[in-house]
Amino acid sequence: NSTYNPEDYNKEEDKMPTTGADNGLEFYDLRGKDYDD
């Protein structure tokens, strides 16, 4: 943590993942779903 600077590894094409979306799903809804669902 004291020596690692994440900005050194950033790329212009990098995109932040979506967070806080309102997709109406709950964890339990995906019980038994395939890994790649």
PDB file of all heavy atoms in Angstrom:
ATOM      1  N   ASN A   1       0.807  -1.206   0.000  1.00  0.00           N
ATOM      2  CA  ASN A   1       0.000   0.000   0.000  1.00  0.00           C
ATOM      3  C   ASN A   1       0.850   1.270   0.000  1.00  0.00           C
ATOM      4  O   ASN A   1       0.471   2.294  -0.550  1.00  0.00           O
ATOM      5  CB  ASN A   1      -0.928   0.006   1.224  1.00  0.00           C
ATOM      6  CG  ASN A   1      -2.039  -1.010   1.098  1.00  0.00           C
ATOM      7  OD1 ASN A   1      -2.385  -1.406  -0.003  1.00  0.00           O
ATOM      8  ND2 ASN A   1      -2.589  -1.441   2.221  1.00  0.00           N
ATOM      9  N   SER A   2       2.019   1.203   0.639  1.00  0.00           N
ATOM     10  CA  SER A   2       2.846   2.390   0.763  1.00  0.00           C
ATOM     11  C   SER A   2       3.624   2.713  -0.507  1.00  0.00           C
ATOM     12  O   SER A   2       4.126   3.817  -0.662  1.00  0.00           O
ATOM     13  CB  SER A   2       3.830   2.220   1.932  1.00  0.00           C
ATOM     14  OG  SER A   2       4.640   1.073   1.713  1.00  0.00           O
ATOM     15  N   THR A   3       3.739   1.748  -1.423  1.00  0.00           N
ATOM     16  CA  THR A   3       4.546   1.975  -2.620  1.00  0.00           C
ATOM     17  C   THR A   3       3.762   1.814  -3.911  1.00  0.00           C
ATOM     18  O   THR A   3       4.243   2.190  -4.965  1.00  0.00           O
ATOM     19  CB  THR A   3       5.733   0.987  -2.665  1.00  0.00           C
ATOM     20  OG1 THR A   3       5.219  -0.351  -2.685  1.00  0.00           O
ATOM     21  CG2 THR A   3       6.621   1.149  -1.453  1.00  0.00           C
ATOM     22  N   TYR A   4       2.561   1.280  -3.837  1.00  0.00           N
ATOM     23  CA  TYR A   4       1.786   0.987  -5.044  1.00  0.00           C
ATOM     24  C   TYR A   4       0.936   2.187  -5.430  1.00  0.00           C
ATOM     25  O   TYR A   4       0.110   2.657  -4.652  1.00  0.00           O
ATOM     26  CB  TYR A   4       0.905  -0.243  -4.798  1.00  0.00           C
ATOM     27  CG  TYR A   4      -0.033  -0.577  -5.937  1.00  0.00           C
ATOM     28  CD1 TYR A   4       0.456  -1.017  -7.159  1.00  0.00           C
ATOM     29  CD2 TYR A   4      -1.416  -0.450  -5.783  1.00  0.00           C
ATOM     30  CE1 TYR A   4      -0.407  -1.335  -8.203  1.00  0.00           C
ATOM     31  CE2 TYR A   4      -2.282  -0.772  -6.809  1.00  0.00           C
ATOM     32  CZ  TYR A   4      -1.773  -1.211  -8.017  1.00  0.00           C
ATOM     33  OH  TYR A   4      -2.618  -1.516  -9.053  1.00  0.00           O
ATOM     34  N   ASN A   5       1.130   2.684  -6.624  1.00  0.00           N
ATOM     35  CA  ASN A   5       0.345   3.791  -7.135  1.00  0.00           C
ATOM     36  C   ASN A   5      -0.500   3.289  -8.295  1.00  0.00           C
ATOM     37  O   ASN A   5       0.013   3.053  -9.390  1.00  0.00           O
ATOM     38  CB  ASN A   5       1.247   4.926  -7.613  1.00  0.00           C
ATOM     39  CG  ASN A   5       0.439   6.115  -8.127  1.00  0.00           C
ATOM     40  OD1 ASN A   5      -0.778   6.185  -7.939  1.00  0.00           O
ATOM     41  ND2 ASN A   5       1.114   7.048  -8.770  1.00  0.00           N
ATOM     42  N   PRO A   6      -1.808   3.109  -8.096  1.00  0.00           N
ATOM     43  CA  PRO A   6      -2.635   2.522  -9.158  1.00  0.00           C
ATOM     44  C   PRO A   6      -2.653   3.356 -10.427  1.00  0.00           C
ATOM     45  O   PRO A   6      -2.866   2.829 -11.517  1.00  0.00           O
ATOM     46  CB  PRO A   6      -4.029   2.445  -8.518  1.00  0.00           C
ATOM     47  CG  PRO A   6      -4.004   3.433  -7.400  1.00  0.00           C
ATOM     48  CD  PRO A   6      -2.594   3.438  -6.900  1.00  0.00           C
ATOM     49  N   GLU A   7      -2.402   4.660 -10.302  1.00  0.00           N
ATOM     50  CA  GLU A   7      -2.426   5.508 -11.490  1.00  0.00           C
ATOM     51  C   GLU A   7      -1.332   5.131 -12.485  1.00  0.00           C
ATOM     52  O   GLU A   7      -1.452   5.421 -13.682  1.00  0.00           O
ATOM     53  CB  GLU A   7      -2.294   6.971 -11.080  1.00  0.00           C
ATOM     54  CG  GLU A   7      -3.489   7.483 -10.275  1.00  0.00           C
ATOM     55  CD  GLU A   7      -3.342   8.943  -9.899  1.00  0.00           C
ATOM     56  OE1 GLU A   7      -2.306   9.543 -10.269  1.00  0.00           O
ATOM     57  OE2 GLU A   7      -4.259   9.488  -9.252  1.00  0.00           O
ATOM     58  N   ASP A   8      -0.273   4.493 -11.979  1.00  0.00           N
ATOM     59  CA  ASP A   8       0.807   4.067 -12.874  1.00  0.00           C
ATOM     60  C   ASP A   8       0.339   2.988 -13.847  1.00  0.00           C
ATOM     61  O   ASP A   8       0.999   2.732 -14.862  1.00  0.00           O
ATOM     62  CB  ASP A   8       1.997   3.526 -12.068  1.00  0.00           C
ATOM     63  CG  ASP A   8       2.657   4.622 -11.244  1.00  0.00           C
ATOM     64  OD1 ASP A   8       2.466   5.804 -11.588  1.00  0.00           O
ATOM     65  OD2 ASP A   8       3.356   4.290 -10.263  1.00  0.00           O
ATOM     66  N   TYR A   9      -0.776   2.336 -13.538  1.00  0.00           N
ATOM     67  CA  TYR A   9      -1.250   1.222 -14.350  1.00  0.00           C
ATOM     68  C   TYR A   9      -2.543   1.547 -15.090  1.00  0.00           C
ATOM     69  O   TYR A   9      -3.121   0.684 -15.735  1.00  0.00           O
ATOM     70  CB  TYR A   9      -1.443  -0.020 -13.463  1.00  0.00           C
ATOM     71  CG  TYR A   9      -0.167  -0.440 -12.775  1.00  0.00           C
ATOM     72  CD1 TYR A   9       0.181   0.088 -11.536  1.00  0.00           C
ATOM     73  CD2 TYR A   9       0.714  -1.337 -13.384  1.00  0.00           C
ATOM     74  CE1 TYR A   9       1.371  -0.279 -10.910  1.00  0.00           C
ATOM     75  CE2 TYR A   9       1.896  -1.702 -12.762  1.00  0.00           C
ATOM     76  CZ  TYR A   9       2.220  -1.174 -11.526  1.00  0.00           C
ATOM     77  OH  TYR A   9       3.398  -1.529 -10.923  1.00  0.00           O
ATOM     78  N   ASN A  10      -2.999   2.773 -14.970  1.00  0.00           N
ATOM     79  CA  ASN A  10      -4.209   3.174 -15.674  1.00  0.00           C
ATOM     80  C   ASN A  10      -3.983   3.221 -17.184  1.00  0.00           C
ATOM     81  O   ASN A  10      -2.884   3.545 -17.652  1.00  0.00           O
ATOM     82  CB  ASN A  10      -4.682   4.551 -15.196  1.00  0.00           C
ATOM     83  CG  ASN A  10      -5.257   4.498 -13.789  1.00  0.00           C
ATOM     84  OD1 ASN A  10      -5.565   3.433 -13.282  1.00  0.00           O
ATOM     85  ND2 ASN A  10      -5.381   5.659 -13.164  1.00  0.00           N
ATOM     86  N   LYS A  11      -5.033   2.901 -17.927  1.00  0.00           N
ATOM     87  CA  LYS A  11      -4.998   3.002 -19.380  1.00  0.00           C
ATOM     88  C   LYS A  11      -6.169   3.857 -19.843  1.00  0.00           C
ATOM     89  O   LYS A  11      -7.214   3.902 -19.199  1.00  0.00           O
ATOM     90  CB  LYS A  11      -5.096   1.604 -20.015  1.00  0.00           C
ATOM     91  CG  LYS A  11      -3.957   0.675 -19.630  1.00  0.00           C
ATOM     92  CD  LYS A  11      -4.153  -0.698 -20.248  1.00  0.00           C
ATOM     93  CE  LYS A  11      -3.043  -1.651 -19.830  1.00  0.00           C
ATOM     94  NZ  LYS A  11      -3.244  -3.013 -20.410  1.00  0.00           N
ATOM     95  N   GLU A  12      -5.987   4.537 -20.970  1.00  0.00           N
ATOM     96  CA  GLU A  12      -7.031   5.427 -21.468  1.00  0.00           C
ATOM     97  C   GLU A  12      -8.328   4.688 -21.765  1.00  0.00           C
ATOM     98  O   GLU A  12      -9.412   5.229 -21.604  1.00  0.00           O
ATOM     99  CB  GLU A  12      -6.550   6.149 -22.730  1.00  0.00           C
ATOM    100  CG  GLU A  12      -5.447   7.164 -22.476  1.00  0.00           C
ATOM    101  CD  GLU A  12      -5.103   7.939 -23.725  1.00  0.00           C
ATOM    102  OE1 GLU A  12      -5.794   7.747 -24.752  1.00  0.00           O
ATOM    103  OE2 GLU A  12      -4.144   8.734 -23.690  1.00  0.00           O
ATOM    104  N   GLU A  13      -8.200   3.428 -22.204  1.00  0.00           N
ATOM    105  CA  GLU A  13      -9.398   2.662 -22.563  1.00  0.00           C
ATOM    106  C   GLU A  13     -10.088   2.024 -21.359  1.00  0.00           C
ATOM    107  O   GLU A  13     -11.147   1.404 -21.492  1.00  0.00           O
ATOM    108  CB  GLU A  13      -9.048   1.579 -23.579  1.00  0.00           C
ATOM    109  CG  GLU A  13      -8.058   0.525 -23.085  1.00  0.00           C
ATOM    110  CD  GLU A  13      -6.614   0.891 -23.368  1.00  0.00           C
ATOM    111  OE1 GLU A  13      -6.320   2.098 -23.529  1.00  0.00           O
ATOM    112  OE2 GLU A  13      -5.777  -0.034 -23.430  1.00  0.00           O
ATOM    113  N   ASP A  14      -9.498   2.165 -20.171  1.00  0.00           N
ATOM    114  CA  ASP A  14     -10.121   1.609 -18.978  1.00  0.00           C
ATOM    115  C   ASP A  14     -11.463   2.274 -18.695  1.00  0.00           C
ATOM    116  O   ASP A  14     -11.622   3.483 -18.890  1.00  0.00           O
ATOM    117  CB  ASP A  14      -9.209   1.787 -17.757  1.00  0.00           C
ATOM    118  CG  ASP A  14      -7.983   0.897 -17.807  1.00  0.00           C
ATOM    119  OD1 ASP A  14      -8.006  -0.087 -18.568  1.00  0.00           O
ATOM    120  OD2 ASP A  14      -7.009   1.197 -17.092  1.00  0.00           O
ATOM    121  N   LYS A  15     -12.409   1.470 -18.236  1.00  0.00           N
ATOM    122  CA  LYS A  15     -13.722   1.993 -17.875  1.00  0.00           C
ATOM    123  C   LYS A  15     -14.085   1.512 -16.472  1.00  0.00           C
ATOM    124  O   LYS A  15     -13.888   0.353 -16.140  1.00  0.00           O
ATOM    125  CB  LYS A  15     -14.789   1.532 -18.873  1.00  0.00           C
ATOM    126  CG  LYS A  15     -14.630   2.094 -20.273  1.00  0.00           C
ATOM    127  CD  LYS A  15     -15.765   1.634 -21.169  1.00  0.00           C
ATOM    128  CE  LYS A  15     -15.615   2.203 -22.576  1.00  0.00           C
ATOM    129  NZ  LYS A  15     -16.715   1.753 -23.482  1.00  0.00           N
ATOM    130  N   MET A  16     -14.599   2.403 -15.670  1.00  0.00           N
ATOM    131  CA  MET A  16     -15.046   2.033 -14.336  1.00  0.00           C
ATOM    132  C   MET A  16     -16.258   1.115 -14.445  1.00  0.00           C
ATOM    133  O   MET A  16     -17.137   1.334 -15.293  1.00  0.00           O
ATOM    134  CB  MET A  16     -15.424   3.274 -13.535  1.00  0.00           C
ATOM    135  CG  MET A  16     -14.244   4.066 -13.034  1.00  0.00           C
ATOM    136  SD  MET A  16     -13.283   3.150 -11.800  1.00  0.00           S
ATOM    137  CE  MET A  16     -14.444   3.093 -10.449  1.00  0.00           C
ATOM    138  N   PRO A  17     -16.337   0.090 -13.609  1.00  0.00           N
ATOM    139  CA  PRO A  17     -17.521  -0.771 -13.629  1.00  0.00           C
ATOM    140  C   PRO A  17     -18.741  -0.025 -13.116  1.00  0.00           C
ATOM    141  O   PRO A  17     -18.626   0.956 -12.364  1.00  0.00           O
ATOM    142  CB  PRO A  17     -17.133  -1.914 -12.681  1.00  0.00           C
ATOM    143  CG  PRO A  17     -16.113  -1.318 -11.767  1.00  0.00           C
ATOM    144  CD  PRO A  17     -15.339  -0.337 -12.603  1.00  0.00           C
ATOM    145  N   THR A  18     -19.896  -0.477 -13.527  1.00  0.00           N
ATOM    146  CA  THR A  18     -21.142   0.123 -13.047  1.00  0.00           C
ATOM    147  C   THR A  18     -21.357  -0.233 -11.585  1.00  0.00           C
ATOM    148  O   THR A  18     -21.173  -1.380 -11.176  1.00  0.00           O
ATOM    149  CB  THR A  18     -22.329  -0.389 -13.879  1.00  0.00           C
ATOM    150  OG1 THR A  18     -22.123  -0.048 -15.253  1.00  0.00           O
ATOM    151  CG2 THR A  18     -23.629   0.226 -13.394  1.00  0.00           C
ATOM    152  N   THR A  19     -21.709   0.723 -10.773  1.00  0.00           N
ATOM    153  CA  THR A  19     -22.012   0.472  -9.357  1.00  0.00           C
ATOM    154  C   THR A  19     -23.288   1.212  -8.988  1.00  0.00           C
ATOM    155  O   THR A  19     -23.635   2.231  -9.592  1.00  0.00           O
ATOM    156  CB  THR A  19     -20.869   0.953  -8.442  1.00  0.00           C
ATOM    157  OG1 THR A  19     -20.654   2.355  -8.643  1.00  0.00           O
ATOM    158  CG2 THR A  19     -19.579   0.203  -8.733  1.00  0.00           C
ATOM    159  N   GLY A  20     -23.986   0.681  -7.998  1.00  0.00           N
ATOM    160  CA  GLY A  20     -25.185   1.339  -7.495  1.00  0.00           C
ATOM    161  C   GLY A  20     -26.359   1.342  -8.454  1.00  0.00           C
ATOM    162  O   GLY A  20     -27.273   2.167  -8.316  1.00  0.00           O
ATOM    163  N   ALA A  21     -26.372   0.412  -9.405  1.00  0.00           N
ATOM    164  CA  ALA A  21     -27.478   0.364 -10.373  1.00  0.00           C
ATOM    165  C   ALA A  21     -28.764  -0.132  -9.712  1.00  0.00           C
ATOM    166  O   ALA A  21     -28.732  -0.817  -8.684  1.00  0.00           O
ATOM    167  CB  ALA A  21     -27.115  -0.548 -11.539  1.00  0.00           C
ATOM    168  N   ASP A  22     -29.888   0.218 -10.291  1.00  0.00           N
ATOM    169  CA  ASP A  22     -31.190  -0.209  -9.773  1.00  0.00           C
ATOM    170  C   ASP A  22     -31.782  -1.225 -10.751  1.00  0.00           C
ATOM    171  O   ASP A  22     -32.620  -0.895 -11.590  1.00  0.00           O
ATOM    172  CB  ASP A  22     -32.114   0.996  -9.614  1.00  0.00           C
ATOM    173  CG  ASP A  22     -33.464   0.618  -8.995  1.00  0.00           C
ATOM    174  OD1 ASP A  22     -33.581  -0.525  -8.490  1.00  0.00           O
ATOM    175  OD2 ASP A  22     -34.383   1.455  -9.023  1.00  0.00           O
ATOM    176  N   ASN A  23     -31.349  -2.494 -10.610  1.00  0.00           N
ATOM    177  CA  ASN A  23     -31.797  -3.542 -11.525  1.00  0.00           C
ATOM    178  C   ASN A  23     -32.866  -4.446 -10.914  1.00  0.00           C
ATOM    179  O   ASN A  23     -33.302  -5.411 -11.548  1.00  0.00           O
ATOM    180  CB  ASN A  23     -30.601  -4.392 -11.977  1.00  0.00           C
ATOM    181  CG  ASN A  23     -29.639  -3.588 -12.841  1.00  0.00           C
ATOM    182  OD1 ASN A  23     -30.050  -2.688 -13.568  1.00  0.00           O
ATOM    183  ND2 ASN A  23     -28.355  -3.900 -12.759  1.00  0.00           N
ATOM    184  N   GLY A  24     -33.239  -4.162  -9.670  1.00  0.00           N
ATOM    185  CA  GLY A  24     -34.348  -4.879  -9.050  1.00  0.00           C
ATOM    186  C   GLY A  24     -34.075  -6.329  -8.706  1.00  0.00           C
ATOM    187  O   GLY A  24     -35.005  -7.117  -8.523  1.00  0.00           O
ATOM    188  N   LEU A  25     -32.783  -6.713  -8.579  1.00  0.00           N
ATOM    189  CA  LEU A  25     -32.446  -8.102  -8.266  1.00  0.00           C
ATOM    190  C   LEU A  25     -32.038  -8.244  -6.808  1.00  0.00           C
ATOM    191  O   LEU A  25     -31.533  -7.306  -6.193  1.00  0.00           O
ATOM    192  CB  LEU A  25     -31.287  -8.579  -9.152  1.00  0.00           C
ATOM    193  CG  LEU A  25     -31.573  -8.762 -10.645  1.00  0.00           C
ATOM    194  CD1 LEU A  25     -30.290  -9.065 -11.404  1.00  0.00           C
ATOM    195  CD2 LEU A  25     -32.582  -9.887 -10.865  1.00  0.00           C
ATOM    196  N   GLU A  26     -32.255  -9.432  -6.276  1.00  0.00           N
ATOM    197  CA  GLU A  26     -31.742  -9.783  -4.960  1.00  0.00           C
ATOM    198  C   GLU A  26     -30.883 -11.025  -5.083  1.00  0.00           C
ATOM    199  O   GLU A  26     -31.050 -11.832  -6.003  1.00  0.00           O
ATOM    200  CB  GLU A  26     -32.876 -10.009  -3.967  1.00  0.00           C
ATOM    201  CG  GLU A  26     -33.628  -8.735  -3.610  1.00  0.00           C
ATOM    202  CD  GLU A  26     -34.477  -8.899  -2.361  1.00  0.00           C
ATOM    203  OE1 GLU A  26     -34.523 -10.024  -1.817  1.00  0.00           O
ATOM    204  OE2 GLU A  26     -35.085  -7.896  -1.932  1.00  0.00           O
ATOM    205  N   PHE A  27     -29.966 -11.161  -4.159  1.00  0.00           N
ATOM    206  CA  PHE A  27     -29.021 -12.274  -4.164  1.00  0.00           C
ATOM    207  C   PHE A  27     -29.739 -13.621  -4.307  1.00  0.00           C
ATOM    208  O   PHE A  27     -29.332 -14.494  -5.067  1.00  0.00           O
ATOM    209  CB  PHE A  27     -28.208 -12.225  -2.876  1.00  0.00           C
ATOM    210  CG  PHE A  27     -26.949 -13.040  -2.905  1.00  0.00           C
ATOM    211  CD1 PHE A  27     -26.275 -13.309  -4.090  1.00  0.00           C
ATOM    212  CD2 PHE A  27     -26.406 -13.526  -1.718  1.00  0.00           C
ATOM    213  CE1 PHE A  27     -25.105 -14.047  -4.107  1.00  0.00           C
ATOM    214  CE2 PHE A  27     -25.236 -14.266  -1.726  1.00  0.00           C
ATOM    215  CZ  PHE A  27     -24.591 -14.528  -2.917  1.00  0.00           C
ATOM    216  N   TYR A  28     -30.825 -13.751  -3.579  1.00  0.00           N
ATOM    217  CA  TYR A  28     -31.561 -15.018  -3.567  1.00  0.00           C
ATOM    218  C   TYR A  28     -32.155 -15.341  -4.937  1.00  0.00           C
ATOM    219  O   TYR A  28     -32.351 -16.508  -5.270  1.00  0.00           O
ATOM    220  CB  TYR A  28     -32.668 -14.966  -2.508  1.00  0.00           C
ATOM    221  CG  TYR A  28     -33.349 -16.288  -2.277  1.00  0.00           C
ATOM    222  CD1 TYR A  28     -32.786 -17.231  -1.413  1.00  0.00           C
ATOM    223  CD2 TYR A  28     -34.544 -16.609  -2.917  1.00  0.00           C
ATOM    224  CE1 TYR A  28     -33.387 -18.450  -1.198  1.00  0.00           C
ATOM    225  CE2 TYR A  28     -35.154 -17.839  -2.708  1.00  0.00           C
ATOM    226  CZ  TYR A  28     -34.577 -18.746  -1.847  1.00  0.00           C
ATOM    227  OH  TYR A  28     -35.171 -19.965  -1.646  1.00  0.00           O
ATOM    228  N   ASP A  29     -32.434 -14.316  -5.741  1.00  0.00           N
ATOM    229  CA  ASP A  29     -33.025 -14.542  -7.063  1.00  0.00           C
ATOM    230  C   ASP A  29     -32.126 -15.385  -7.961  1.00  0.00           C
ATOM    231  O   ASP A  29     -32.615 -16.046  -8.889  1.00  0.00           O
ATOM    232  CB  ASP A  29     -33.295 -13.203  -7.767  1.00  0.00           C
ATOM    233  CG  ASP A  29     -34.342 -12.373  -7.041  1.00  0.00           C
ATOM    234  OD1 ASP A  29     -35.191 -12.964  -6.354  1.00  0.00           O
ATOM    235  OD2 ASP A  29     -34.295 -11.124  -7.156  1.00  0.00           O
ATOM    236  N   LEU A  30     -30.820 -15.367  -7.703  1.00  0.00           N
ATOM    237  CA  LEU A  30     -29.882 -16.062  -8.583  1.00  0.00           C
ATOM    238  C   LEU A  30     -29.476 -17.431  -8.049  1.00  0.00           C
ATOM    239  O   LEU A  30     -28.566 -18.064  -8.589  1.00  0.00           O
ATOM    240  CB  LEU A  30     -28.638 -15.198  -8.822  1.00  0.00           C
ATOM    241  CG  LEU A  30     -28.807 -14.193  -9.975  1.00  0.00           C
ATOM    242  CD1 LEU A  30     -29.708 -13.053  -9.553  1.00  0.00           C
ATOM    243  CD2 LEU A  30     -27.474 -13.663 -10.446  1.00  0.00           C
ATOM    244  N   ARG A  31     -30.133 -17.880  -7.012  1.00  0.00           N
ATOM    245  CA  ARG A  31     -29.820 -19.205  -6.470  1.00  0.00           C
ATOM    246  C   ARG A  31     -30.054 -20.277  -7.529  1.00  0.00           C
ATOM    247  O   ARG A  31     -31.133 -20.357  -8.126  1.00  0.00           O
ATOM    248  CB  ARG A  31     -30.687 -19.497  -5.252  1.00  0.00           C
ATOM    249  CG  ARG A  31     -30.369 -20.826  -4.588  1.00  0.00           C
ATOM    250  CD  ARG A  31     -31.118 -20.981  -3.281  1.00  0.00           C
ATOM    251  NE  ARG A  31     -30.766 -22.216  -2.616  1.00  0.00           N
ATOM    252  CZ  ARG A  31     -31.172 -22.566  -1.400  1.00  0.00           C
ATOM    253  NH1 ARG A  31     -31.934 -21.746  -0.706  1.00  0.00           N
ATOM    254  NH2 ARG A  31     -30.813 -23.718  -0.865  1.00  0.00           N
ATOM    255  N   GLY A  32     -29.026 -21.083  -7.785  1.00  0.00           N
ATOM    256  CA  GLY A  32     -29.117 -22.155  -8.768  1.00  0.00           C
ATOM    257  C   GLY A  32     -28.823 -21.734 -10.190  1.00  0.00           C
ATOM    258  O   GLY A  32     -28.823 -22.572 -11.098  1.00  0.00           O
ATOM    259  N   LYS A  33     -28.577 -20.436 -10.416  1.00  0.00           N
ATOM    260  CA  LYS A  33     -28.279 -19.973 -11.763  1.00  0.00           C
ATOM    261  C   LYS A  33     -26.887 -20.445 -12.206  1.00  0.00           C
ATOM    262  O   LYS A  33     -26.000 -20.657 -11.390  1.00  0.00           O
ATOM    263  CB  LYS A  33     -28.331 -18.441 -11.831  1.00  0.00           C
ATOM    264  CG  LYS A  33     -29.699 -17.837 -11.561  1.00  0.00           C
ATOM    265  CD  LYS A  33     -30.669 -18.097 -12.703  1.00  0.00           C
ATOM    266  CE  LYS A  33     -31.974 -17.343 -12.483  1.00  0.00           C
ATOM    267  NZ  LYS A  33     -32.959 -17.596 -13.555  1.00  0.00           N
ATOM    268  N   ASP A  34     -26.701 -20.596 -13.501  1.00  0.00           N
ATOM    269  CA  ASP A  34     -25.406 -20.981 -14.043  1.00  0.00           C
ATOM    270  C   ASP A  34     -24.364 -19.905 -13.746  1.00  0.00           C
ATOM    271  O   ASP A  34     -24.692 -18.717 -13.606  1.00  0.00           O
ATOM    272  CB  ASP A  34     -25.493 -21.192 -15.561  1.00  0.00           C
ATOM    273  CG  ASP A  34     -26.320 -22.423 -15.925  1.00  0.00           C
ATOM    274  OD1 ASP A  34     -26.443 -23.320 -15.064  1.00  0.00           O
ATOM    275  OD2 ASP A  34     -26.839 -22.467 -17.048  1.00  0.00           O
ATOM    276  N   TYR A  35     -23.107 -20.342 -13.706  1.00  0.00           N
ATOM    277  CA  TYR A  35     -22.006 -19.427 -13.408  1.00  0.00           C
ATOM    278  C   TYR A  35     -21.953 -18.270 -14.402  1.00  0.00           C
ATOM    279  O   TYR A  35     -21.651 -17.128 -14.034  1.00  0.00           O
ATOM    280  CB  TYR A  35     -20.681 -20.207 -13.432  1.00  0.00           C
ATOM    281  CG  TYR A  35     -19.450 -19.366 -13.207  1.00  0.00           C
ATOM    282  CD1 TYR A  35     -19.044 -19.028 -11.914  1.00  0.00           C
ATOM    283  CD2 TYR A  35     -18.686 -18.911 -14.282  1.00  0.00           C
ATOM    284  CE1 TYR A  35     -17.920 -18.249 -11.699  1.00  0.00           C
ATOM    285  CE2 TYR A  35     -17.555 -18.132 -14.077  1.00  0.00           C
ATOM    286  CZ  TYR A  35     -17.182 -17.812 -12.782  1.00  0.00           C
ATOM    287  OH  TYR A  35     -16.066 -17.036 -12.581  1.00  0.00           O
ATOM    288  N   ASP A  36     -22.248 -18.535 -15.677  1.00  0.00           N
ATOM    289  CA  ASP A  36     -22.146 -17.503 -16.711  1.00  0.00           C
ATOM    290  C   ASP A  36     -23.493 -16.865 -17.048  1.00  0.00           C
ATOM    291  O   ASP A  36     -23.643 -16.219 -18.081  1.00  0.00           O
ATOM    292  CB  ASP A  36     -21.509 -18.069 -17.983  1.00  0.00           C
ATOM    293  CG  ASP A  36     -22.257 -19.291 -18.520  1.00  0.00           C
ATOM    294  OD1 ASP A  36     -23.226 -19.728 -17.854  1.00  0.00           O
ATOM    295  OD2 ASP A  36     -21.870 -19.804 -19.590  1.00  0.00           O
ATOM    296  N   ASP A  37     -24.497 -17.023 -16.171  1.00  0.00           N
ATOM    297  CA  ASP A  37     -25.781 -16.381 -16.398  1.00  0.00           C
ATOM    298  C   ASP A  37     -25.586 -14.859 -16.394  1.00  0.00           C
ATOM    299  O   ASP A  37     -24.958 -14.303 -15.477  1.00  0.00           O
ATOM    300  CB  ASP A  37     -26.765 -16.782 -15.292  1.00  0.00           C
ATOM    301  CG  ASP A  37     -28.194 -16.364 -15.606  1.00  0.00           C
ATOM    302  OD1 ASP A  37     -28.444 -15.145 -15.672  1.00  0.00           O
ATOM    303  OD2 ASP A  37     -29.044 -17.244 -15.800  1.00  0.00           O
TER     304      ASP A  37
END
